Amino acid sequence: MDSAAPTFKIILGSKSKARREIMVEMGYEFTIMTADIDEKAIRKEKPEDLVMALAEAKADAVISKLQIADKQVNDNEPTLLIAADTVVVYEGMIREKPSGKEEARQYLKDYSGRKASTVSSVLVTNLQTGFRKGEWDRVEILFDEIPDDTIDKLIAEGAVLHVAGALIIEHPLIKPLVKQVVGTTDSVMGLPKAVTERLIAESL
């Protein structure tokens, strides 16, 4: 790292394992603070508006937690808070985390031989200056046929029950069935690297 480069701390406002892994891949050290918000209470018609509104709500919730904890932000070293959200869009309909196994099963059956999109937001807040900027990124995914026994295994394992649209394209059972990704895999996983890097740079 360039010795002249600004030093800063990062708080990742997400409990997503995939987002944590992406931040590690990007070479960042960070602390995690989860935002406990009622996502269903925030509704927008357009997926782009929804993911931005959810990221804003998550960031605000983490900032409230920090204020309650009365954590001092070092004036010499900026702290950046990164919040993010992802939804799946299928045939124009927004899909969030499935309500249960049957909905997850239906979601996965729908993707078989068809296409879906993900819309992911990233929002970076400089807690020292108050500067905040966010962007969204959209990716299209085309699938081969997804066999019923693969869907059964995914449901039994359970990871798909906890992600938007029951969609985990990096999963070993799904990865071979992804025909094409128009965009980046990291964006589908919930944190587009290029967007995140740019927003971090602009926030310092």
N, C-alpha and C. Protein backbone atom coordinates (compact mmCIF):
# COMPACT_ATOMS: atom_id res chain seq x y z
N MET A 1 0.84 -1.20 0.00
CA MET A 1 0.00 0.00 0.00
C MET A 1 0.88 1.25 0.00
N ASP A 2 0.56 2.23 -0.78
CA ASP A 2 1.30 3.49 -0.85
C ASP A 2 1.26 4.18 0.50
N SER A 3 2.45 4.56 1.00
CA SER A 3 2.51 5.18 2.33
C SER A 3 1.78 6.52 2.37
N ALA A 4 1.60 7.13 1.18
CA ALA A 4 0.90 8.41 1.12
C ALA A 4 -0.62 8.23 1.04
N ALA A 5 -1.04 6.98 0.85
CA ALA A 5 -2.48 6.72 0.73
C ALA A 5 -3.17 6.99 2.06
N PRO A 6 -4.38 7.52 2.01
CA PRO A 6 -5.08 7.83 3.26
C PRO A 6 -5.39 6.56 4.05
N THR A 7 -5.23 6.62 5.36
CA THR A 7 -5.61 5.48 6.19
C THR A 7 -7.02 5.71 6.69
N PHE A 8 -7.77 4.66 6.80
CA PHE A 8 -9.16 4.77 7.22
C PHE A 8 -9.62 3.43 7.77
N LYS A 9 -10.68 3.48 8.53
CA LYS A 9 -11.30 2.27 9.06
C LYS A 9 -12.58 2.00 8.28
N ILE A 10 -12.97 0.74 8.26
CA ILE A 10 -14.21 0.35 7.57
C ILE A 10 -15.10 -0.41 8.53
N ILE A 11 -16.37 -0.04 8.53
CA ILE A 11 -17.41 -0.83 9.21
C ILE A 11 -18.30 -1.40 8.10
N LEU A 12 -18.45 -2.71 8.07
CA LEU A 12 -19.36 -3.34 7.12
C LEU A 12 -20.69 -3.57 7.82
N GLY A 13 -21.71 -2.87 7.36
CA GLY A 13 -23.03 -2.97 7.99
C GLY A 13 -23.85 -4.09 7.40
N SER A 14 -23.33 -5.32 7.51
CA SER A 14 -24.01 -6.46 6.91
C SER A 14 -23.59 -7.74 7.62
N LYS A 15 -24.53 -8.68 7.74
CA LYS A 15 -24.18 -9.99 8.31
C LYS A 15 -23.99 -11.03 7.21
N SER A 16 -24.01 -10.58 5.95
CA SER A 16 -23.87 -11.49 4.81
C SER A 16 -22.46 -12.09 4.74
N LYS A 17 -22.41 -13.43 4.72
CA LYS A 17 -21.13 -14.14 4.61
C LYS A 17 -20.45 -13.81 3.28
N ALA A 18 -21.25 -13.75 2.21
CA ALA A 18 -20.70 -13.47 0.88
C ALA A 18 -20.06 -12.08 0.83
N ARG A 19 -20.73 -11.09 1.45
CA ARG A 19 -20.15 -9.72 1.44
C ARG A 19 -18.86 -9.67 2.24
N ARG A 20 -18.83 -10.39 3.35
CA ARG A 20 -17.60 -10.45 4.15
C ARG A 20 -16.46 -11.03 3.31
N GLU A 21 -16.75 -12.12 2.59
CA GLU A 21 -15.73 -12.78 1.77
C GLU A 21 -15.22 -11.84 0.67
N ILE A 22 -16.13 -11.09 0.06
CA ILE A 22 -15.74 -10.16 -1.01
C ILE A 22 -14.84 -9.06 -0.46
N MET A 23 -15.18 -8.53 0.71
CA MET A 23 -14.34 -7.48 1.33
C MET A 23 -12.94 -8.02 1.63
N VAL A 24 -12.87 -9.26 2.08
CA VAL A 24 -11.57 -9.88 2.35
C VAL A 24 -10.78 -10.04 1.05
N GLU A 25 -11.47 -10.49 -0.02
CA GLU A 25 -10.84 -10.63 -1.34
C GLU A 25 -10.28 -9.29 -1.83
N MET A 26 -10.97 -8.21 -1.49
CA MET A 26 -10.54 -6.87 -1.91
C MET A 26 -9.37 -6.35 -1.07
N GLY A 27 -9.02 -7.10 -0.02
CA GLY A 27 -7.85 -6.75 0.77
C GLY A 27 -8.12 -5.79 1.92
N TYR A 28 -9.39 -5.63 2.28
CA TYR A 28 -9.73 -4.68 3.36
C TYR A 28 -9.86 -5.38 4.71
N GLU A 29 -9.43 -4.67 5.74
CA GLU A 29 -9.73 -5.08 7.10
C GLU A 29 -10.95 -4.28 7.53
N PHE A 30 -11.83 -4.89 8.30
CA PHE A 30 -13.07 -4.20 8.65
C PHE A 30 -13.67 -4.81 9.89
N THR A 31 -14.56 -4.06 10.51
CA THR A 31 -15.36 -4.61 11.61
C THR A 31 -16.79 -4.74 11.09
N ILE A 32 -17.55 -5.60 11.73
CA ILE A 32 -18.93 -5.84 11.29
C ILE A 32 -19.91 -5.30 12.34
N MET A 33 -20.89 -4.56 11.87
CA MET A 33 -22.01 -4.16 12.72
C MET A 33 -23.28 -4.42 11.93
N THR A 34 -24.14 -5.27 12.46
CA THR A 34 -25.35 -5.60 11.71
C THR A 34 -26.45 -4.57 11.97
N ALA A 35 -27.23 -4.38 10.94
CA ALA A 35 -28.35 -3.44 11.02
C ALA A 35 -29.63 -4.24 11.16
N ASP A 36 -30.28 -4.12 12.29
CA ASP A 36 -31.52 -4.88 12.52
C ASP A 36 -32.70 -4.01 12.14
N ILE A 37 -33.12 -4.13 10.88
CA ILE A 37 -34.25 -3.33 10.40
C ILE A 37 -35.34 -4.27 9.88
N ASP A 38 -36.54 -3.76 9.83
CA ASP A 38 -37.66 -4.51 9.26
C ASP A 38 -37.69 -4.21 7.76
N GLU A 39 -37.04 -5.09 6.98
CA GLU A 39 -36.92 -4.84 5.54
C GLU A 39 -38.27 -4.80 4.85
N LYS A 40 -39.23 -5.57 5.35
CA LYS A 40 -40.55 -5.63 4.72
C LYS A 40 -41.33 -4.31 4.89
N ALA A 41 -40.88 -3.49 5.86
CA ALA A 41 -41.57 -2.22 6.09
C ALA A 41 -41.19 -1.17 5.05
N ILE A 42 -40.14 -1.45 4.28
CA ILE A 42 -39.68 -0.52 3.25
C ILE A 42 -40.08 -1.07 1.89
N ARG A 43 -40.94 -0.36 1.20
CA ARG A 43 -41.45 -0.83 -0.08
C ARG A 43 -41.23 0.23 -1.17
N LYS A 44 -40.74 -0.20 -2.31
CA LYS A 44 -40.59 0.65 -3.48
C LYS A 44 -40.98 -0.18 -4.70
N GLU A 45 -41.53 0.47 -5.71
CA GLU A 45 -41.94 -0.28 -6.91
C GLU A 45 -40.76 -0.73 -7.74
N LYS A 46 -39.76 0.13 -7.88
CA LYS A 46 -38.60 -0.20 -8.72
C LYS A 46 -37.51 -0.86 -7.87
N PRO A 47 -36.93 -1.96 -8.37
CA PRO A 47 -35.91 -2.65 -7.58
C PRO A 47 -34.72 -1.75 -7.24
N GLU A 48 -34.35 -0.87 -8.19
CA GLU A 48 -33.22 0.03 -7.94
C GLU A 48 -33.52 0.96 -6.76
N ASP A 49 -34.74 1.46 -6.70
CA ASP A 49 -35.13 2.34 -5.59
C ASP A 49 -35.19 1.57 -4.27
N LEU A 50 -35.66 0.31 -4.34
CA LEU A 50 -35.79 -0.49 -3.13
C LEU A 50 -34.43 -0.79 -2.51
N VAL A 51 -33.48 -1.25 -3.33
CA VAL A 51 -32.16 -1.61 -2.76
C VAL A 51 -31.43 -0.38 -2.21
N MET A 52 -31.65 0.78 -2.83
CA MET A 52 -31.02 2.00 -2.31
C MET A 52 -31.67 2.41 -0.98
N ALA A 53 -33.00 2.32 -0.92
CA ALA A 53 -33.72 2.68 0.31
C ALA A 53 -33.33 1.74 1.46
N LEU A 54 -33.18 0.45 1.16
CA LEU A 54 -32.80 -0.52 2.19
C LEU A 54 -31.37 -0.28 2.68
N ALA A 55 -30.47 0.04 1.76
CA ALA A 55 -29.10 0.34 2.17
C ALA A 55 -29.06 1.58 3.05
N GLU A 56 -29.86 2.59 2.70
CA GLU A 56 -29.94 3.81 3.52
C GLU A 56 -30.44 3.48 4.93
N ALA A 57 -31.49 2.66 5.00
CA ALA A 57 -32.07 2.29 6.30
C ALA A 57 -31.07 1.50 7.14
N LYS A 58 -30.32 0.60 6.48
CA LYS A 58 -29.30 -0.18 7.20
C LYS A 58 -28.21 0.74 7.74
N ALA A 59 -27.75 1.68 6.90
CA ALA A 59 -26.70 2.62 7.33
C ALA A 59 -27.19 3.46 8.51
N ASP A 60 -28.41 3.96 8.42
CA ASP A 60 -28.97 4.78 9.51
C ASP A 60 -29.07 3.98 10.81
N ALA A 61 -29.45 2.70 10.69
CA ALA A 61 -29.59 1.84 11.88
C ALA A 61 -28.23 1.61 12.55
N VAL A 62 -27.19 1.40 11.74
CA VAL A 62 -25.84 1.20 12.30
C VAL A 62 -25.34 2.49 12.96
N ILE A 63 -25.59 3.62 12.30
CA ILE A 63 -25.18 4.92 12.87
C ILE A 63 -25.88 5.15 14.21
N SER A 64 -27.15 4.79 14.30
CA SER A 64 -27.88 4.92 15.58
C SER A 64 -27.24 4.06 16.65
N LYS A 65 -26.85 2.83 16.28
CA LYS A 65 -26.18 1.93 17.22
C LYS A 65 -24.87 2.53 17.71
N LEU A 66 -24.11 3.11 16.78
CA LEU A 66 -22.83 3.71 17.13
C LEU A 66 -23.02 4.88 18.09
N GLN A 67 -24.08 5.66 17.85
CA GLN A 67 -24.35 6.82 18.72
C GLN A 67 -24.76 6.36 20.12
N ILE A 68 -25.56 5.27 20.16
CA ILE A 68 -25.99 4.73 21.46
C ILE A 68 -24.77 4.20 22.22
N ALA A 69 -23.88 3.52 21.48
CA ALA A 69 -22.68 2.97 22.10
C ALA A 69 -21.67 4.08 22.42
N ASP A 70 -21.92 5.27 21.84
CA ASP A 70 -21.06 6.44 22.07
C ASP A 70 -19.62 6.15 21.69
N LYS A 71 -19.46 5.51 20.52
CA LYS A 71 -18.10 5.21 20.07
C LYS A 71 -17.50 6.47 19.46
N GLN A 72 -16.32 6.81 19.92
CA GLN A 72 -15.65 7.99 19.41
C GLN A 72 -15.03 7.68 18.04
N VAL A 73 -15.31 8.55 17.08
CA VAL A 73 -14.70 8.39 15.76
C VAL A 73 -13.43 9.24 15.75
N ASN A 74 -12.31 8.58 15.50
CA ASN A 74 -11.01 9.27 15.51
C ASN A 74 -10.97 10.33 14.41
N ASP A 75 -10.76 11.58 14.82
CA ASP A 75 -10.76 12.69 13.86
C ASP A 75 -9.61 12.60 12.86
N ASN A 76 -8.54 11.91 13.24
CA ASN A 76 -7.38 11.81 12.35
C ASN A 76 -7.55 10.71 11.30
N GLU A 77 -8.46 9.82 11.55
CA GLU A 77 -8.62 8.67 10.66
C GLU A 77 -10.10 8.47 10.34
N PRO A 78 -10.50 8.70 9.09
CA PRO A 78 -11.91 8.55 8.73
C PRO A 78 -12.40 7.11 8.93
N THR A 79 -13.66 6.99 9.30
CA THR A 79 -14.31 5.67 9.35
C THR A 79 -15.39 5.65 8.28
N LEU A 80 -15.30 4.66 7.41
CA LEU A 80 -16.30 4.52 6.34
C LEU A 80 -17.25 3.38 6.70
N LEU A 81 -18.53 3.67 6.60
CA LEU A 81 -19.57 2.65 6.82
C LEU A 81 -20.09 2.20 5.47
N ILE A 82 -20.02 0.90 5.21
CA ILE A 82 -20.51 0.35 3.95
C ILE A 82 -21.78 -0.46 4.22
N ALA A 83 -22.86 -0.04 3.58
CA ALA A 83 -24.12 -0.77 3.66
C ALA A 83 -24.50 -1.23 2.25
N ALA A 84 -25.24 -2.32 2.16
CA ALA A 84 -25.57 -2.87 0.84
C ALA A 84 -26.86 -3.66 0.91
N ASP A 85 -27.47 -3.86 -0.25
CA ASP A 85 -28.65 -4.71 -0.32
C ASP A 85 -28.76 -5.31 -1.72
N THR A 86 -29.41 -6.44 -1.81
CA THR A 86 -29.59 -7.11 -3.11
C THR A 86 -30.99 -7.70 -3.19
N VAL A 87 -31.60 -7.55 -4.36
CA VAL A 87 -32.85 -8.27 -4.65
C VAL A 87 -32.69 -8.97 -5.99
N VAL A 88 -33.52 -9.98 -6.20
CA VAL A 88 -33.59 -10.68 -7.48
C VAL A 88 -34.84 -10.18 -8.21
N VAL A 89 -34.71 -10.01 -9.51
CA VAL A 89 -35.87 -9.62 -10.32
C VAL A 89 -36.13 -10.75 -11.32
N TYR A 90 -37.36 -11.28 -11.29
CA TYR A 90 -37.74 -12.36 -12.19
C TYR A 90 -39.06 -11.98 -12.85
N GLU A 91 -39.04 -11.90 -14.19
CA GLU A 91 -40.22 -11.49 -14.96
C GLU A 91 -40.83 -10.20 -14.40
N GLY A 92 -39.94 -9.26 -14.08
CA GLY A 92 -40.39 -7.94 -13.63
C GLY A 92 -40.80 -7.85 -12.17
N MET A 93 -40.81 -8.99 -11.47
CA MET A 93 -41.21 -9.01 -10.06
C MET A 93 -39.99 -9.05 -9.15
N ILE A 94 -40.05 -8.26 -8.07
CA ILE A 94 -38.96 -8.23 -7.10
C ILE A 94 -39.07 -9.43 -6.17
N ARG A 95 -37.94 -10.10 -5.97
CA ARG A 95 -37.89 -11.23 -5.03
C ARG A 95 -36.87 -10.95 -3.94
N GLU A 96 -37.32 -11.03 -2.70
CA GLU A 96 -36.41 -10.90 -1.56
C GLU A 96 -36.18 -12.30 -0.99
N LYS A 97 -35.80 -12.41 0.27
CA LYS A 97 -35.57 -13.73 0.85
C LYS A 97 -36.88 -14.52 0.84
N PRO A 98 -36.84 -15.80 0.49
CA PRO A 98 -38.08 -16.59 0.46
C PRO A 98 -38.69 -16.74 1.85
N SER A 99 -40.02 -16.84 1.88
CA SER A 99 -40.72 -16.96 3.17
C SER A 99 -40.56 -18.34 3.79
N GLY A 100 -40.17 -19.31 2.97
CA GLY A 100 -39.99 -20.67 3.49
C GLY A 100 -39.53 -21.60 2.38
N LYS A 101 -39.53 -22.90 2.68
CA LYS A 101 -39.00 -23.89 1.74
C LYS A 101 -39.79 -23.96 0.44
N GLU A 102 -41.11 -23.86 0.53
CA GLU A 102 -41.92 -24.01 -0.69
C GLU A 102 -41.72 -22.83 -1.64
N GLU A 103 -41.63 -21.63 -1.07
CA GLU A 103 -41.38 -20.46 -1.93
C GLU A 103 -39.98 -20.54 -2.55
N ALA A 104 -39.00 -20.98 -1.77
CA ALA A 104 -37.64 -21.14 -2.29
C ALA A 104 -37.62 -22.16 -3.44
N ARG A 105 -38.36 -23.26 -3.24
CA ARG A 105 -38.45 -24.30 -4.28
C ARG A 105 -39.05 -23.73 -5.57
N GLN A 106 -40.12 -22.95 -5.44
CA GLN A 106 -40.77 -22.36 -6.60
C GLN A 106 -39.84 -21.39 -7.32
N TYR A 107 -39.13 -20.58 -6.53
CA TYR A 107 -38.16 -19.64 -7.12
C TYR A 107 -37.15 -20.38 -7.99
N LEU A 108 -36.56 -21.44 -7.43
CA LEU A 108 -35.52 -22.19 -8.14
C LEU A 108 -36.08 -22.88 -9.38
N LYS A 109 -37.31 -23.42 -9.28
CA LYS A 109 -37.95 -24.04 -10.44
C LYS A 109 -38.15 -23.01 -11.55
N ASP A 110 -38.53 -21.79 -11.16
CA ASP A 110 -38.75 -20.72 -12.14
C ASP A 110 -37.49 -20.40 -12.94
N TYR A 111 -36.33 -20.46 -12.27
CA TYR A 111 -35.08 -20.08 -12.96
C TYR A 111 -34.62 -21.13 -13.96
N SER A 112 -35.10 -22.36 -13.82
CA SER A 112 -34.65 -23.47 -14.66
C SER A 112 -34.87 -23.17 -16.15
N GLY A 113 -33.76 -23.09 -16.89
CA GLY A 113 -33.84 -22.83 -18.33
C GLY A 113 -34.24 -21.41 -18.68
N ARG A 114 -34.28 -20.53 -17.69
CA ARG A 114 -34.71 -19.15 -17.96
C ARG A 114 -33.67 -18.16 -17.44
N LYS A 115 -34.09 -16.90 -17.28
CA LYS A 115 -33.14 -15.90 -16.79
C LYS A 115 -33.73 -15.09 -15.64
N ALA A 116 -32.83 -14.55 -14.83
CA ALA A 116 -33.22 -13.68 -13.73
C ALA A 116 -32.16 -12.59 -13.63
N SER A 117 -32.48 -11.54 -12.91
CA SER A 117 -31.51 -10.46 -12.70
C SER A 117 -31.33 -10.22 -11.22
N THR A 118 -30.16 -9.67 -10.86
CA THR A 118 -29.98 -9.18 -9.50
C THR A 118 -29.73 -7.68 -9.59
N VAL A 119 -30.24 -6.97 -8.59
CA VAL A 119 -29.95 -5.55 -8.46
C VAL A 119 -29.34 -5.37 -7.07
N SER A 120 -28.10 -4.89 -7.04
CA SER A 120 -27.38 -4.72 -5.77
C SER A 120 -27.03 -3.25 -5.57
N SER A 121 -27.17 -2.80 -4.33
CA SER A 121 -26.79 -1.43 -3.99
C SER A 121 -25.58 -1.43 -3.07
N VAL A 122 -24.78 -0.37 -3.17
CA VAL A 122 -23.69 -0.12 -2.23
C VAL A 122 -23.83 1.33 -1.79
N LEU A 123 -23.74 1.56 -0.49
CA LEU A 123 -23.84 2.91 0.06
C LEU A 123 -22.68 3.11 1.03
N VAL A 124 -21.86 4.12 0.77
CA VAL A 124 -20.71 4.41 1.64
C VAL A 124 -20.94 5.75 2.34
N THR A 125 -20.81 5.73 3.67
CA THR A 125 -20.95 6.95 4.47
C THR A 125 -19.64 7.21 5.21
N ASN A 126 -19.09 8.41 5.04
CA ASN A 126 -17.90 8.82 5.79
C ASN A 126 -18.41 9.37 7.12
N LEU A 127 -18.19 8.64 8.21
CA LEU A 127 -18.75 9.03 9.51
C LEU A 127 -18.05 10.26 10.08
N GLN A 128 -16.90 10.59 9.53
CA GLN A 128 -16.16 11.76 10.00
C GLN A 128 -16.72 13.05 9.37
N THR A 129 -17.00 12.97 8.05
CA THR A 129 -17.45 14.18 7.32
C THR A 129 -18.95 14.22 7.08
N GLY A 130 -19.61 13.04 7.17
CA GLY A 130 -21.04 12.97 6.87
C GLY A 130 -21.32 12.75 5.40
N PHE A 131 -20.27 12.72 4.56
CA PHE A 131 -20.45 12.49 3.12
C PHE A 131 -21.03 11.10 2.90
N ARG A 132 -22.03 11.02 2.02
CA ARG A 132 -22.66 9.73 1.74
C ARG A 132 -22.96 9.63 0.25
N LYS A 133 -22.60 8.48 -0.32
CA LYS A 133 -22.90 8.27 -1.73
C LYS A 133 -23.19 6.80 -1.99
N GLY A 134 -24.16 6.55 -2.85
CA GLY A 134 -24.51 5.17 -3.18
C GLY A 134 -24.75 4.99 -4.66
N GLU A 135 -24.67 3.74 -5.08
CA GLU A 135 -24.96 3.37 -6.47
C GLU A 135 -25.59 1.98 -6.48
N TRP A 136 -26.23 1.65 -7.60
CA TRP A 136 -26.74 0.30 -7.76
C TRP A 136 -26.14 -0.33 -9.01
N ASP A 137 -26.18 -1.65 -9.06
CA ASP A 137 -25.59 -2.39 -10.17
C ASP A 137 -26.53 -3.54 -10.52
N ARG A 138 -26.74 -3.75 -11.81
CA ARG A 138 -27.67 -4.81 -12.25
C ARG A 138 -26.92 -5.86 -13.07
N VAL A 139 -27.24 -7.12 -12.80
CA VAL A 139 -26.60 -8.24 -13.51
C VAL A 139 -27.70 -9.20 -13.99
N GLU A 140 -27.51 -9.73 -15.19
CA GLU A 140 -28.47 -10.71 -15.72
C GLU A 140 -27.83 -12.10 -15.73
N ILE A 141 -28.60 -13.09 -15.30
CA ILE A 141 -28.09 -14.47 -15.22
C ILE A 141 -28.98 -15.38 -16.04
N LEU A 142 -28.37 -16.16 -16.92
CA LEU A 142 -29.10 -17.15 -17.72
C LEU A 142 -28.76 -18.55 -17.20
N PHE A 143 -29.80 -19.35 -17.01
CA PHE A 143 -29.62 -20.69 -16.43
C PHE A 143 -29.90 -21.80 -17.43
N ASP A 144 -29.18 -22.91 -17.28
CA ASP A 144 -29.56 -24.15 -17.93
C ASP A 144 -30.69 -24.76 -17.11
N GLU A 145 -31.16 -25.93 -17.53
CA GLU A 145 -32.19 -26.62 -16.75
C GLU A 145 -31.63 -26.97 -15.35
N ILE A 146 -32.44 -26.74 -14.32
CA ILE A 146 -32.03 -27.09 -12.95
C ILE A 146 -32.82 -28.33 -12.54
N PRO A 147 -32.15 -29.49 -12.41
CA PRO A 147 -32.87 -30.73 -12.07
C PRO A 147 -33.58 -30.65 -10.71
N ASP A 148 -34.70 -31.35 -10.60
CA ASP A 148 -35.46 -31.34 -9.34
C ASP A 148 -34.63 -31.85 -8.16
N ASP A 149 -33.76 -32.86 -8.42
CA ASP A 149 -32.98 -33.39 -7.30
C ASP A 149 -31.94 -32.37 -6.81
N THR A 150 -31.48 -31.51 -7.73
CA THR A 150 -30.56 -30.43 -7.32
C THR A 150 -31.31 -29.43 -6.44
N ILE A 151 -32.53 -29.10 -6.84
CA ILE A 151 -33.36 -28.19 -6.05
C ILE A 151 -33.62 -28.79 -4.66
N ASP A 152 -33.93 -30.10 -4.63
CA ASP A 152 -34.18 -30.78 -3.35
C ASP A 152 -32.96 -30.67 -2.43
N LYS A 153 -31.77 -30.89 -3.00
CA LYS A 153 -30.53 -30.82 -2.21
C LYS A 153 -30.31 -29.40 -1.68
N LEU A 154 -30.56 -28.41 -2.52
CA LEU A 154 -30.37 -27.01 -2.12
C LEU A 154 -31.32 -26.63 -0.98
N ILE A 155 -32.57 -27.09 -1.09
CA ILE A 155 -33.57 -26.79 -0.05
C ILE A 155 -33.19 -27.48 1.26
N ALA A 156 -32.78 -28.75 1.15
CA ALA A 156 -32.41 -29.53 2.35
C ALA A 156 -31.21 -28.90 3.06
N GLU A 157 -30.27 -28.42 2.27
CA GLU A 157 -29.07 -27.79 2.85
C GLU A 157 -29.42 -26.47 3.54
N GLY A 158 -30.32 -25.71 2.93
CA GLY A 158 -30.88 -24.54 3.63
C GLY A 158 -30.30 -23.17 3.34
N ALA A 159 -29.11 -23.10 2.73
CA ALA A 159 -28.48 -21.79 2.51
C ALA A 159 -29.34 -20.88 1.63
N VAL A 160 -30.04 -21.47 0.65
CA VAL A 160 -30.86 -20.66 -0.28
C VAL A 160 -32.06 -20.00 0.41
N LEU A 161 -32.39 -20.47 1.61
CA LEU A 161 -33.54 -19.90 2.33
C LEU A 161 -33.22 -18.52 2.91
N HIS A 162 -31.94 -18.18 2.94
CA HIS A 162 -31.52 -16.94 3.63
C HIS A 162 -30.98 -15.87 2.70
N VAL A 163 -31.19 -16.05 1.39
CA VAL A 163 -30.68 -15.06 0.43
C VAL A 163 -31.80 -14.61 -0.50
N ALA A 164 -31.62 -13.42 -1.06
CA ALA A 164 -32.63 -12.86 -1.97
C ALA A 164 -32.91 -13.81 -3.13
N GLY A 165 -34.21 -14.05 -3.37
CA GLY A 165 -34.62 -14.88 -4.50
C GLY A 165 -34.13 -16.31 -4.45
N ALA A 166 -33.65 -16.78 -3.28
CA ALA A 166 -33.10 -18.14 -3.11
C ALA A 166 -31.99 -18.41 -4.12
N LEU A 167 -31.25 -17.37 -4.47
CA LEU A 167 -30.29 -17.45 -5.57
C LEU A 167 -28.85 -17.33 -5.08
N ILE A 168 -28.08 -18.42 -5.22
CA ILE A 168 -26.65 -18.40 -4.87
C ILE A 168 -25.90 -18.97 -6.06
N ILE A 169 -25.47 -18.12 -6.99
CA ILE A 169 -24.87 -18.68 -8.23
C ILE A 169 -23.48 -19.26 -8.00
N GLU A 170 -22.83 -18.88 -6.88
CA GLU A 170 -21.49 -19.44 -6.63
C GLU A 170 -21.56 -20.79 -5.92
N HIS A 171 -22.78 -21.25 -5.58
CA HIS A 171 -22.94 -22.54 -4.90
C HIS A 171 -22.49 -23.67 -5.83
N PRO A 172 -21.74 -24.66 -5.29
CA PRO A 172 -21.23 -25.75 -6.14
C PRO A 172 -22.31 -26.50 -6.94
N LEU A 173 -23.54 -26.55 -6.42
CA LEU A 173 -24.61 -27.25 -7.15
C LEU A 173 -25.21 -26.39 -8.27
N ILE A 174 -25.13 -25.07 -8.11
CA ILE A 174 -25.73 -24.16 -9.09
C ILE A 174 -24.72 -23.68 -10.14
N LYS A 175 -23.49 -23.50 -9.71
CA LYS A 175 -22.45 -22.94 -10.59
C LYS A 175 -22.38 -23.61 -11.96
N PRO A 176 -22.39 -24.97 -12.03
CA PRO A 176 -22.30 -25.62 -13.35
C PRO A 176 -23.55 -25.39 -14.22
N LEU A 177 -24.64 -24.93 -13.61
CA LEU A 177 -25.90 -24.74 -14.34
C LEU A 177 -26.12 -23.30 -14.78
N VAL A 178 -25.14 -22.44 -14.50
CA VAL A 178 -25.23 -21.04 -14.93
C VAL A 178 -24.66 -20.95 -16.34
N LYS A 179 -25.52 -20.62 -17.30
CA LYS A 179 -25.11 -20.57 -18.70
C LYS A 179 -24.32 -19.31 -19.00
N GLN A 180 -24.78 -18.18 -18.46
CA GLN A 180 -24.12 -16.90 -18.74
C GLN A 180 -24.42 -15.89 -17.64
N VAL A 181 -23.42 -15.08 -17.31
CA VAL A 181 -23.60 -13.96 -16.38
C VAL A 181 -23.24 -12.68 -17.13
N VAL A 182 -24.23 -11.80 -17.30
CA VAL A 182 -23.98 -10.52 -17.97
C VAL A 182 -23.77 -9.49 -16.88
N GLY A 183 -22.49 -9.33 -16.51
CA GLY A 183 -22.14 -8.49 -15.37
C GLY A 183 -21.12 -9.25 -14.53
N THR A 184 -21.00 -8.91 -13.25
CA THR A 184 -19.98 -9.55 -12.41
C THR A 184 -20.61 -10.43 -11.34
N THR A 185 -19.93 -11.54 -11.06
CA THR A 185 -20.40 -12.49 -10.05
C THR A 185 -20.44 -11.84 -8.66
N ASP A 186 -19.45 -10.98 -8.36
CA ASP A 186 -19.43 -10.34 -7.03
C ASP A 186 -20.67 -9.48 -6.80
N SER A 187 -21.18 -8.88 -7.88
CA SER A 187 -22.41 -8.08 -7.77
C SER A 187 -23.60 -8.97 -7.44
N VAL A 188 -23.66 -10.15 -8.08
CA VAL A 188 -24.74 -11.11 -7.79
C VAL A 188 -24.66 -11.56 -6.33
N MET A 189 -23.44 -11.73 -5.83
CA MET A 189 -23.22 -12.18 -4.45
C MET A 189 -23.55 -11.09 -3.42
N GLY A 190 -23.71 -9.85 -3.91
CA GLY A 190 -24.18 -8.81 -3.00
C GLY A 190 -23.27 -7.61 -2.80
N LEU A 191 -22.08 -7.61 -3.44
CA LEU A 191 -21.20 -6.46 -3.27
C LEU A 191 -20.33 -6.28 -4.52
N PRO A 192 -20.80 -5.46 -5.49
CA PRO A 192 -19.99 -5.24 -6.69
C PRO A 192 -18.67 -4.53 -6.34
N LYS A 193 -17.56 -5.21 -6.63
CA LYS A 193 -16.24 -4.70 -6.21
C LYS A 193 -15.91 -3.33 -6.81
N ALA A 194 -16.11 -3.20 -8.12
CA ALA A 194 -15.72 -1.96 -8.80
C ALA A 194 -16.49 -0.76 -8.24
N VAL A 195 -17.79 -0.95 -8.03
CA VAL A 195 -18.62 0.13 -7.47
C VAL A 195 -18.15 0.47 -6.06
N THR A 196 -17.88 -0.57 -5.26
CA THR A 196 -17.45 -0.36 -3.87
C THR A 196 -16.12 0.40 -3.82
N GLU A 197 -15.17 -0.01 -4.66
CA GLU A 197 -13.86 0.66 -4.70
C GLU A 197 -14.03 2.14 -5.04
N ARG A 198 -14.85 2.40 -6.04
CA ARG A 198 -15.04 3.79 -6.50
C ARG A 198 -15.68 4.64 -5.39
N LEU A 199 -16.69 4.10 -4.74
CA LEU A 199 -17.38 4.85 -3.69
C LEU A 199 -16.47 5.09 -2.48
N ILE A 200 -15.63 4.11 -2.16
CA ILE A 200 -14.66 4.30 -1.07
C ILE A 200 -13.72 5.46 -1.40
N ALA A 201 -13.19 5.44 -2.64
CA ALA A 201 -12.27 6.49 -3.06
C ALA A 201 -12.92 7.87 -3.02
N GLU A 202 -14.17 7.94 -3.46
CA GLU A 202 -14.88 9.23 -3.51
C GLU A 202 -15.26 9.72 -2.10
N SER A 203 -15.34 8.79 -1.15
CA SER A 203 -15.79 9.16 0.20
C SER A 203 -14.66 9.67 1.09
N LEU A 204 -13.41 9.47 0.64
CA LEU A 204 -12.27 9.88 1.48
C LEU A 204 -11.86 11.33 1.20
